[in-house]
Amino acid sequence: MLLLNFSHPLTDAQRGQIEALTQTPITRLIELMPQFDEQQPFAPQVQAFLAQIDLTPAQWQGEPILVVLPSLNFIAALLLAELHGRMGYFPPMVRTRPVADTLPRRYEVAEILDLQTIREQARQRR
């Protein structure tokens, strides 16, 4: 599975949690941290940002891809729209959460959110 991480670098433990939850090994990890100019439109910046990822259209559509979204909601929303356009479906995403009662603060993988299934279930409630 290809893991696209647009957030903080993942620890070995977090990668292990992802593999355990998905029951799939991570065969490739691409970590890109978005740094956008807030004075410029975000859509072209997202397109340029994703252009850094060396995947063919066939790979975007055919490889199993899992995503860790950035925390800034505007960028995350645009990334999801752009990824859906390239992939033909919403990718599953990793949700992290703080580990309770730890100092310094650490994060663990909470769950894998199957966005495409969530979308399809929501269509039933129209």
C-alpha atoms as a PDB file:
ATOM      1  CA  MET A   1       0.000   0.000   0.000  1.00  0.00           C
ATOM      2  CA  LEU A   2       1.139   3.539  -0.756  1.00  0.00           C
ATOM      3  CA  LEU A   3       0.855   5.869   2.232  1.00  0.00           C
ATOM      4  CA  LEU A   4       0.664   9.586   1.435  1.00  0.00           C
ATOM      5  CA  ASN A   5       1.444  11.567   4.576  1.00  0.00           C
ATOM      6  CA  PHE A   6       0.658  15.277   4.419  1.00  0.00           C
ATOM      7  CA  SER A   7       1.048  15.791   8.162  1.00  0.00           C
ATOM      8  CA  HIS A   8       3.744  15.347  10.799  1.00  0.00           C
ATOM      9  CA  PRO A   9       6.339  12.622  10.179  1.00  0.00           C
ATOM     10  CA  LEU A  10       5.074   9.197  11.226  1.00  0.00           C
ATOM     11  CA  THR A  11       6.848   7.161  13.868  1.00  0.00           C
ATOM     12  CA  ASP A  12       7.664   3.476  13.482  1.00  0.00           C
ATOM     13  CA  ALA A  13       4.926   2.725  16.017  1.00  0.00           C
ATOM     14  CA  GLN A  14       2.347   4.696  14.011  1.00  0.00           C
ATOM     15  CA  ARG A  15       3.328   2.920  10.800  1.00  0.00           C
ATOM     16  CA  GLY A  16       2.934  -0.387  12.640  1.00  0.00           C
ATOM     17  CA  GLN A  17      -0.520   0.653  13.866  1.00  0.00           C
ATOM     18  CA  ILE A  18      -1.552   1.555  10.301  1.00  0.00           C
ATOM     19  CA  GLU A  19      -0.368  -1.807   8.967  1.00  0.00           C
ATOM     20  CA  ALA A  20      -2.191  -3.631  11.774  1.00  0.00           C
ATOM     21  CA  LEU A  21      -5.455  -1.752  11.171  1.00  0.00           C
ATOM     22  CA  THR A  22      -5.357  -2.174   7.393  1.00  0.00           C
ATOM     23  CA  GLN A  23      -3.805  -5.649   7.477  1.00  0.00           C
ATOM     24  CA  THR A  24      -1.653  -4.436   4.587  1.00  0.00           C
ATOM     25  CA  PRO A  25       2.061  -3.644   4.527  1.00  0.00           C
ATOM     26  CA  ILE A  26       3.171  -0.132   3.646  1.00  0.00           C
ATOM     27  CA  THR A  27       5.260  -0.657   0.519  1.00  0.00           C
ATOM     28  CA  ARG A  28       5.899   3.009  -0.158  1.00  0.00           C
ATOM     29  CA  LEU A  29       5.712   6.075   2.076  1.00  0.00           C
ATOM     30  CA  ILE A  30       5.619   9.570   0.617  1.00  0.00           C
ATOM     31  CA  GLU A  31       5.784  12.361   3.180  1.00  0.00           C
ATOM     32  CA  LEU A  32       5.138  15.908   1.967  1.00  0.00           C
ATOM     33  CA  MET A  33       4.344  18.719   4.365  1.00  0.00           C
ATOM     34  CA  PRO A  34       2.313  21.512   2.757  1.00  0.00           C
ATOM     35  CA  GLN A  35       3.599  25.046   3.205  1.00  0.00           C
ATOM     36  CA  PHE A  36       1.153  27.304   1.405  1.00  0.00           C
ATOM     37  CA  ASP A  37       1.262  31.041   0.790  1.00  0.00           C
ATOM     38  CA  GLU A  38      -1.913  32.255   2.508  1.00  0.00           C
ATOM     39  CA  GLN A  39      -1.959  35.368   0.340  1.00  0.00           C
ATOM     40  CA  GLN A  40      -2.321  33.295  -2.857  1.00  0.00           C
ATOM     41  CA  PRO A  41      -5.186  31.075  -4.060  1.00  0.00           C
ATOM     42  CA  PHE A  42      -4.964  27.584  -2.590  1.00  0.00           C
ATOM     43  CA  ALA A  43      -6.313  25.503  -5.533  1.00  0.00           C
ATOM     44  CA  PRO A  44      -3.267  26.068  -7.797  1.00  0.00           C
ATOM     45  CA  GLN A  45      -0.981  25.471  -4.817  1.00  0.00           C
ATOM     46  CA  VAL A  46      -2.643  22.098  -4.160  1.00  0.00           C
ATOM     47  CA  GLN A  47      -2.202  21.142  -7.817  1.00  0.00           C
ATOM     48  CA  ALA A  48       1.485  22.113  -7.723  1.00  0.00           C
ATOM     49  CA  PHE A  49       1.900  20.330  -4.395  1.00  0.00           C
ATOM     50  CA  LEU A  50       0.482  17.053  -5.731  1.00  0.00           C
ATOM     51  CA  ALA A  51       2.527  17.387  -8.924  1.00  0.00           C
ATOM     52  CA  GLN A  52       5.559  16.583  -6.741  1.00  0.00           C
ATOM     53  CA  ILE A  53       4.248  13.025  -6.368  1.00  0.00           C
ATOM     54  CA  ASP A  54       5.609  10.843  -9.129  1.00  0.00           C
ATOM     55  CA  LEU A  55       2.582   8.689  -9.963  1.00  0.00           C
ATOM     56  CA  THR A  56       1.118   7.934 -13.360  1.00  0.00           C
ATOM     57  CA  PRO A  57      -2.633   8.220 -13.936  1.00  0.00           C
ATOM     58  CA  ALA A  58      -2.799   4.406 -13.853  1.00  0.00           C
ATOM     59  CA  GLN A  59      -1.050   4.365 -10.471  1.00  0.00           C
ATOM     60  CA  TRP A  60      -3.357   7.041  -9.050  1.00  0.00           C
ATOM     61  CA  GLN A  61      -6.339   4.950 -10.120  1.00  0.00           C
ATOM     62  CA  GLY A  62      -5.044   1.447  -9.479  1.00  0.00           C
ATOM     63  CA  GLU A  63      -2.693   1.416  -6.490  1.00  0.00           C
ATOM     64  CA  PRO A  64      -4.045   1.036  -2.963  1.00  0.00           C
ATOM     65  CA  ILE A  65      -3.509   4.496  -1.457  1.00  0.00           C
ATOM     66  CA  LEU A  66      -4.021   5.609   2.140  1.00  0.00           C
ATOM     67  CA  VAL A  67      -3.803   9.279   3.157  1.00  0.00           C
ATOM     68  CA  VAL A  68      -2.866  11.238   6.266  1.00  0.00           C
ATOM     69  CA  LEU A  69      -4.377  14.686   5.692  1.00  0.00           C
ATOM     70  CA  PRO A  70      -2.835  17.982   6.804  1.00  0.00           C
ATOM     71  CA  SER A  71      -4.457  19.671   9.769  1.00  0.00           C
ATOM     72  CA  LEU A  72      -5.402  22.921   7.997  1.00  0.00           C
ATOM     73  CA  ASN A  73      -9.001  22.327   6.941  1.00  0.00           C
ATOM     74  CA  PHE A  74      -8.887  24.392   3.735  1.00  0.00           C
ATOM     75  CA  ILE A  75      -5.897  22.484   2.377  1.00  0.00           C
ATOM     76  CA  ALA A  76      -7.342  19.129   3.491  1.00  0.00           C
ATOM     77  CA  ALA A  77     -10.632  19.810   1.678  1.00  0.00           C
ATOM     78  CA  LEU A  78      -8.867  20.825  -1.526  1.00  0.00           C
ATOM     79  CA  LEU A  79      -6.534  17.824  -1.330  1.00  0.00           C
ATOM     80  CA  LEU A  80      -9.512  15.477  -1.010  1.00  0.00           C
ATOM     81  CA  ALA A  81     -11.192  17.050  -4.036  1.00  0.00           C
ATOM     82  CA  GLU A  82      -8.003  16.831  -6.103  1.00  0.00           C
ATOM     83  CA  LEU A  83      -7.286  13.252  -4.967  1.00  0.00           C
ATOM     84  CA  HIS A  84     -10.846  12.195  -5.816  1.00  0.00           C
ATOM     85  CA  GLY A  85     -10.410  13.668  -9.275  1.00  0.00           C
ATOM     86  CA  ARG A  86      -7.146  11.782  -9.830  1.00  0.00           C
ATOM     87  CA  MET A  87      -8.215   8.509  -8.212  1.00  0.00           C
ATOM     88  CA  GLY A  88     -11.909   8.338  -9.124  1.00  0.00           C
ATOM     89  CA  TYR A  89     -12.953   7.799  -5.507  1.00  0.00           C
ATOM     90  CA  PHE A  90     -12.299   9.184  -2.048  1.00  0.00           C
ATOM     91  CA  PRO A  91      -9.184   7.623  -0.500  1.00  0.00           C
ATOM     92  CA  PRO A  92      -9.295   6.094   2.949  1.00  0.00           C
ATOM     93  CA  MET A  93      -7.614   8.289   5.548  1.00  0.00           C
ATOM     94  CA  VAL A  94      -5.786   7.869   8.816  1.00  0.00           C
ATOM     95  CA  ARG A  95      -7.144   9.612  11.925  1.00  0.00           C
ATOM     96  CA  THR A  96      -4.704  10.220  14.741  1.00  0.00           C
ATOM     97  CA  ARG A  97      -5.393  11.260  18.322  1.00  0.00           C
ATOM     98  CA  PRO A  98      -3.314  12.304  21.321  1.00  0.00           C
ATOM     99  CA  VAL A  99      -2.282   9.468  23.624  1.00  0.00           C
ATOM    100  CA  ALA A 100      -4.055  10.073  26.940  1.00  0.00           C
ATOM    101  CA  ASP A 101      -2.021  11.233  29.938  1.00  0.00           C
ATOM    102  CA  THR A 102       1.346  11.535  28.191  1.00  0.00           C
ATOM    103  CA  LEU A 103       3.949  14.257  28.476  1.00  0.00           C
ATOM    104  CA  PRO A 104       5.319  15.293  26.116  1.00  0.00           C
ATOM    105  CA  ARG A 105       2.270  14.909  23.943  1.00  0.00           C
ATOM    106  CA  ARG A 106       2.357  11.924  21.586  1.00  0.00           C
ATOM    107  CA  TYR A 107      -0.068  10.782  18.920  1.00  0.00           C
ATOM    108  CA  GLU A 108      -1.357   7.351  18.013  1.00  0.00           C
ATOM    109  CA  VAL A 109      -3.395   6.056  15.100  1.00  0.00           C
ATOM    110  CA  ALA A 110      -7.047   6.048  16.162  1.00  0.00           C
ATOM    111  CA  GLU A 111      -8.748   4.580  13.091  1.00  0.00           C
ATOM    112  CA  ILE A 112      -8.831   4.307   9.338  1.00  0.00           C
ATOM    113  CA  LEU A 113     -11.777   6.229   7.857  1.00  0.00           C
ATOM    114  CA  ASP A 114     -13.151   4.714   4.645  1.00  0.00           C
ATOM    115  CA  LEU A 115     -14.336   7.945   3.047  1.00  0.00           C
ATOM    116  CA  GLN A 116     -15.752   6.301  -0.085  1.00  0.00           C
ATOM    117  CA  THR A 117     -17.953   3.955   1.963  1.00  0.00           C
ATOM    118  CA  ILE A 118     -19.044   6.855   4.166  1.00  0.00           C
ATOM    119  CA  ARG A 119     -19.979   8.806   1.025  1.00  0.00           C
ATOM    120  CA  GLU A 120     -21.932   5.881  -0.416  1.00  0.00           C
ATOM    121  CA  GLN A 121     -23.816   5.367   2.860  1.00  0.00           C
ATOM    122  CA  ALA A 122     -24.627   9.087   3.020  1.00  0.00           C
ATOM    123  CA  ARG A 123     -26.157   8.943  -0.474  1.00  0.00           C
ATOM    124  CA  GLN A 124     -28.734   6.511   0.942  1.00  0.00           C
ATOM    125  CA  ARG A 125     -29.908   9.257   3.303  1.00  0.00           C
ATOM    126  CA  ARG A 126     -30.712  11.788   0.566  1.00  0.00           C
END
